[in-house]
Amino acid sequence: MATPVIEVHNLVKQFTLGEQTVNAVNGIDFAIQPGEIVSIIGPSGSGKSTLLGLIGGLDTPTSGTIAIDGVDITAMNERQLTAVRNEKIGFVFQFFNLITTLSAVENVALPIQFAVKKQFNATERATELLTILELDDRLHHRPNQLSGGQQQRVAIARALANNPPLLLADEPTGNLNTEAGISSCRPSNKCATNSAQRLSSLPTTRPLPRKPIGRWSWSTGKLFDSFWFVGLIVDSSQPSNHPT
């Protein structure tokens, strides 16, 4: 069997709020194999983004272990985590997080320029990804010259820049209206396919059109009711039956 892209054992993340301890992630175990596309679905405040932050090395767990592409990141220092994030993980954030003084092509090229092990010519790779995402006429536009959907596609291209084995997207269309969200997803599916991405983990509380994916419902730090389905991702506060 192939090495899991993500493997988590007994993962816990606790926060202290006054005299109260909150278990945002509460002792979960799972493994995600190469080629799987998984969506984690749950209401706002249930810990979805916390889980992604832990998997992506942006936060440290209270206890438990996380392995990315066979590498245990739990005890790594910040320099080691930075290298893992650059080489193995692509992030797509809800609010884009583009650098406002850089053009679209410069934003996408940036992770390649920082990579220790460079796989691509930065400008050529950025241009290729933006062209796949139907932004070849916006290469030299800055973020304030782009629509919300266009900015999100730039963010997706940036996440794919170093061809990471793991793509993490935190409510990637949550800051867009439904029409713009659907529009940005269509070319990004093509881009992910062309870039041979192995995983997309998409926390969401909104409908998102996708091909068949794994669906994990999420509630108060726990995973449950995992199955394959075809159709829209739905908010777990409005549970649906397995489609026929």
Protein backbone atom coordinates (compact mmCIF):
# COMPACT_ATOMS: atom_id res chain seq x y z
CA MET A 1 0.00 0.00 0.00
CA ALA A 2 1.19 3.52 -0.79
CA THR A 3 2.32 5.84 1.98
CA PRO A 4 -0.64 7.99 3.11
CA VAL A 5 -0.45 11.65 2.16
CA ILE A 6 -1.80 12.44 5.63
CA GLU A 7 -1.74 10.14 8.64
CA VAL A 8 -3.06 11.35 11.99
CA HIS A 9 -3.06 9.46 15.30
CA ASN A 10 -4.96 10.50 18.44
CA LEU A 11 -4.80 14.18 17.48
CA VAL A 12 -5.89 16.67 20.14
CA LYS A 13 -5.91 20.47 20.14
CA GLN A 14 -7.11 22.28 23.22
CA PHE A 15 -7.68 25.99 23.83
CA THR A 16 -8.15 27.66 27.18
CA LEU A 17 -10.88 30.31 27.32
CA GLY A 18 -10.91 31.77 30.81
CA GLU A 19 -11.55 28.82 33.12
CA GLN A 20 -12.89 26.64 30.29
CA THR A 21 -10.90 24.17 28.19
CA VAL A 22 -12.19 23.74 24.63
CA ASN A 23 -11.34 20.59 22.66
CA ALA A 24 -11.28 21.97 19.12
CA VAL A 25 -9.84 18.67 17.86
CA ASN A 26 -10.69 15.77 20.12
CA GLY A 27 -8.59 12.60 19.71
CA ILE A 28 -9.09 11.79 16.02
CA ASP A 29 -7.38 9.15 13.87
CA PHE A 30 -7.42 8.95 10.07
CA ALA A 31 -5.27 8.33 7.00
CA ILE A 32 -5.76 9.77 3.50
CA GLN A 33 -4.23 7.94 0.58
CA PRO A 34 -2.72 9.35 -2.64
CA GLY A 35 -5.42 10.25 -5.15
CA GLU A 36 -8.18 10.83 -2.60
CA ILE A 37 -10.13 14.07 -2.51
CA VAL A 38 -11.76 14.67 0.87
CA SER A 39 -14.11 17.32 2.15
CA ILE A 40 -14.51 18.04 5.86
CA ILE A 41 -17.95 19.48 6.47
CA GLY A 42 -19.25 21.09 9.63
CA PRO A 43 -20.84 24.22 11.09
CA SER A 44 -18.87 27.37 11.86
CA GLY A 45 -16.77 27.05 15.00
CA SER A 46 -16.60 23.25 14.99
CA GLY A 47 -12.81 23.10 14.50
CA LYS A 48 -12.43 22.50 10.75
CA SER A 49 -9.91 25.29 10.21
CA THR A 50 -8.06 24.30 13.38
CA LEU A 51 -7.63 20.80 11.98
CA LEU A 52 -6.31 22.17 8.68
CA GLY A 53 -3.90 24.44 10.52
CA LEU A 54 -2.53 21.45 12.40
CA ILE A 55 -2.18 19.33 9.26
CA GLY A 56 -0.50 22.20 7.45
CA GLY A 57 2.04 22.87 10.20
CA LEU A 58 0.61 26.32 10.96
CA ASP A 59 -0.21 25.27 14.53
CA THR A 60 1.02 22.62 16.95
CA PRO A 61 -1.20 19.94 18.53
CA THR A 62 -1.70 19.54 22.25
CA SER A 63 -1.00 15.83 21.75
CA GLY A 64 -0.98 13.20 19.03
CA THR A 65 1.01 12.88 15.80
CA ILE A 66 0.73 14.09 12.20
CA ALA A 67 2.68 12.65 9.27
CA ILE A 68 2.70 14.39 5.87
CA ASP A 69 3.76 12.22 2.93
CA GLY A 70 5.40 9.84 5.38
CA VAL A 71 7.23 12.54 7.35
CA ASP A 72 6.31 13.13 11.02
CA ILE A 73 5.96 16.91 11.44
CA THR A 74 4.80 16.91 15.06
CA ALA A 75 8.15 17.70 16.71
CA MET A 76 9.64 19.84 13.91
CA ASN A 77 10.98 23.31 14.58
CA GLU A 78 9.76 26.34 12.60
CA ARG A 79 12.54 26.18 10.01
CA GLN A 80 11.79 22.52 9.30
CA LEU A 81 8.06 23.21 9.11
CA THR A 82 8.67 26.07 6.68
CA ALA A 83 10.51 23.67 4.36
CA VAL A 84 7.70 21.11 4.58
CA ARG A 85 5.05 23.73 3.84
CA ASN A 86 6.99 24.97 0.82
CA GLU A 87 7.71 21.54 -0.66
CA LYS A 88 4.77 19.38 0.35
CA ILE A 89 1.73 21.58 1.04
CA GLY A 90 -0.27 24.04 -1.04
CA PHE A 91 -2.65 26.35 0.84
CA VAL A 92 -5.77 28.05 -0.48
CA PHE A 93 -7.25 30.54 1.98
CA GLN A 94 -10.77 31.97 2.10
CA PHE A 95 -9.52 35.56 1.92
CA PHE A 96 -6.95 34.97 -0.86
CA ASN A 97 -3.93 36.43 1.05
CA LEU A 98 -2.34 37.74 -2.14
CA ILE A 99 0.48 40.29 -1.92
CA THR A 100 -1.11 43.51 -3.09
CA THR A 101 2.07 45.04 -4.57
CA LEU A 102 2.74 42.03 -6.82
CA SER A 103 1.07 41.05 -10.08
CA ALA A 104 -0.79 37.77 -10.52
CA VAL A 105 2.20 36.07 -12.13
CA GLU A 106 4.55 37.40 -9.43
CA ASN A 107 2.27 36.13 -6.64
CA VAL A 108 2.21 32.64 -8.16
CA ALA A 109 5.97 32.62 -8.83
CA LEU A 110 6.86 33.55 -5.23
CA PRO A 111 6.74 30.03 -3.66
CA ILE A 112 8.99 28.71 -6.43
CA GLN A 113 11.52 31.45 -5.79
CA PHE A 114 11.64 30.48 -2.10
CA ALA A 115 11.92 26.74 -2.76
CA VAL A 116 15.23 25.11 -1.81
CA LYS A 117 14.72 22.35 -4.38
CA LYS A 118 13.53 24.22 -7.45
CA GLN A 119 11.54 22.09 -9.91
CA PHE A 120 10.44 24.86 -12.25
CA ASN A 121 11.34 28.17 -13.82
CA ALA A 122 9.24 30.47 -11.64
CA THR A 123 7.81 32.74 -14.34
CA GLU A 124 7.16 29.94 -16.82
CA ARG A 125 5.40 27.80 -14.20
CA ALA A 126 3.29 30.71 -12.95
CA THR A 127 2.27 31.60 -16.49
CA GLU A 128 1.36 27.98 -17.25
CA LEU A 129 -0.87 27.64 -14.18
CA LEU A 130 -2.60 30.98 -14.69
CA THR A 131 -3.25 30.08 -18.33
CA ILE A 132 -4.85 26.77 -17.30
CA LEU A 133 -6.98 28.78 -14.88
CA GLU A 134 -8.07 31.06 -17.73
CA LEU A 135 -6.19 34.11 -16.46
CA ASP A 136 -3.69 34.48 -19.30
CA ASP A 137 -5.09 37.95 -19.99
CA ARG A 138 -4.58 38.99 -16.34
CA LEU A 139 -0.97 37.92 -15.77
CA HIS A 140 0.30 41.40 -14.95
CA HIS A 141 -2.73 42.69 -13.08
CA ARG A 142 -2.42 43.34 -9.35
CA PRO A 143 -5.01 41.97 -6.90
CA ASN A 144 -6.98 45.23 -6.74
CA GLN A 145 -7.41 45.00 -10.52
CA LEU A 146 -8.98 41.52 -10.31
CA SER A 147 -12.43 40.32 -9.33
CA GLY A 148 -12.91 38.12 -6.26
CA GLY A 149 -13.17 34.98 -8.37
CA GLN A 150 -10.03 35.92 -10.31
CA GLN A 151 -8.11 36.57 -7.09
CA GLN A 152 -9.12 33.15 -5.79
CA ARG A 153 -7.90 31.49 -8.98
CA VAL A 154 -4.56 33.25 -8.54
CA ALA A 155 -4.48 31.89 -4.97
CA ILE A 156 -5.19 28.37 -6.28
CA ALA A 157 -2.40 28.69 -8.85
CA ARG A 158 -0.02 29.84 -6.11
CA ALA A 159 -0.94 26.80 -4.01
CA LEU A 160 -0.07 24.52 -6.94
CA ALA A 161 3.15 26.33 -7.85
CA ASN A 162 5.61 23.77 -6.42
CA ASN A 163 3.41 20.81 -7.39
CA PRO A 164 2.93 19.74 -3.75
CA PRO A 165 1.54 16.30 -2.88
CA LEU A 166 -0.99 17.91 -0.54
CA LEU A 167 -3.46 20.70 -1.28
CA LEU A 168 -5.33 22.22 1.67
CA ALA A 169 -8.18 24.63 0.97
CA ASP A 170 -9.99 26.40 3.81
CA GLU A 171 -13.47 27.40 2.57
CA PRO A 172 -11.93 28.37 -0.78
CA THR A 173 -15.17 29.83 -2.15
CA GLY A 174 -16.51 31.07 1.19
CA ASN A 175 -15.70 34.69 0.37
CA LEU A 176 -17.43 34.52 -3.04
CA ASN A 177 -21.06 34.47 -4.07
CA THR A 178 -22.40 31.15 -5.37
CA GLU A 179 -22.00 31.99 -9.05
CA ALA A 180 -18.42 33.21 -8.61
CA GLY A 181 -17.60 30.17 -6.46
CA ILE A 182 -18.82 27.78 -9.13
CA SER A 183 -16.93 29.72 -11.79
CA SER A 184 -13.65 29.53 -9.89
CA CYS A 185 -14.03 25.80 -9.17
CA ARG A 186 -14.42 24.71 -12.79
CA PRO A 187 -10.97 25.77 -14.01
CA SER A 188 -9.35 24.85 -10.69
CA ASN A 189 -10.53 21.24 -11.11
CA LYS A 190 -8.77 21.19 -14.49
CA CYS A 191 -5.68 22.78 -13.00
CA ALA A 192 -5.48 20.26 -10.17
CA THR A 193 -5.89 17.39 -12.62
CA ASN A 194 -3.18 18.71 -14.93
CA SER A 195 -0.84 19.20 -11.98
CA ALA A 196 -1.39 15.62 -10.71
CA GLN A 197 -2.45 16.77 -7.26
CA ARG A 198 -3.10 13.92 -4.82
CA LEU A 199 -5.38 15.46 -2.26
CA SER A 200 -7.69 18.37 -1.72
CA SER A 201 -9.07 18.86 1.78
CA LEU A 202 -11.87 21.40 1.64
CA PRO A 203 -13.57 22.58 4.85
CA THR A 204 -16.81 24.20 3.86
CA THR A 205 -20.18 25.23 5.20
CA ARG A 206 -21.52 26.08 1.73
CA PRO A 207 -22.52 24.05 -1.35
CA LEU A 208 -19.56 23.41 -3.65
CA PRO A 209 -19.78 21.58 -6.97
CA ARG A 210 -17.29 18.72 -7.19
CA LYS A 211 -16.75 15.34 -8.80
CA PRO A 212 -17.22 12.29 -6.51
CA ILE A 213 -15.28 12.91 -3.30
CA GLY A 214 -14.97 11.55 0.18
CA ARG A 215 -17.27 13.29 2.64
CA TRP A 216 -16.42 13.58 6.31
CA SER A 217 -18.95 15.18 8.57
CA TRP A 218 -17.41 17.08 11.45
CA SER A 219 -18.85 18.11 14.78
CA THR A 220 -17.12 19.47 17.88
CA GLY A 221 -13.72 18.09 17.02
CA LYS A 222 -14.84 14.62 15.90
CA LEU A 223 -15.09 12.95 12.50
CA PHE A 224 -18.11 10.75 11.80
CA ASP A 225 -20.31 9.30 9.03
CA SER A 226 -17.63 8.88 6.36
CA PHE A 227 -18.80 7.68 2.95
CA TRP A 228 -18.48 8.28 -0.79
CA PHE A 229 -21.08 10.40 -2.49
CA VAL A 230 -21.81 12.23 -5.70
CA GLY A 231 -23.19 15.74 -5.76
CA LEU A 232 -22.87 18.92 -3.76
CA ILE A 233 -21.04 19.33 -0.49
CA VAL A 234 -23.62 20.36 2.07
CA ASP A 235 -23.50 21.95 5.48
CA SER A 236 -23.59 19.22 8.12
CA SER A 237 -26.22 21.24 9.99
CA GLN A 238 -28.50 20.14 7.13
CA PRO A 239 -27.68 16.40 6.89
CA SER A 240 -28.55 14.57 3.68
CA ASN A 241 -28.96 10.88 2.94
CA HIS A 242 -26.47 8.97 0.81
CA PRO A 243 -27.50 9.79 -2.77
CA THR A 244 -28.74 6.91 -4.88
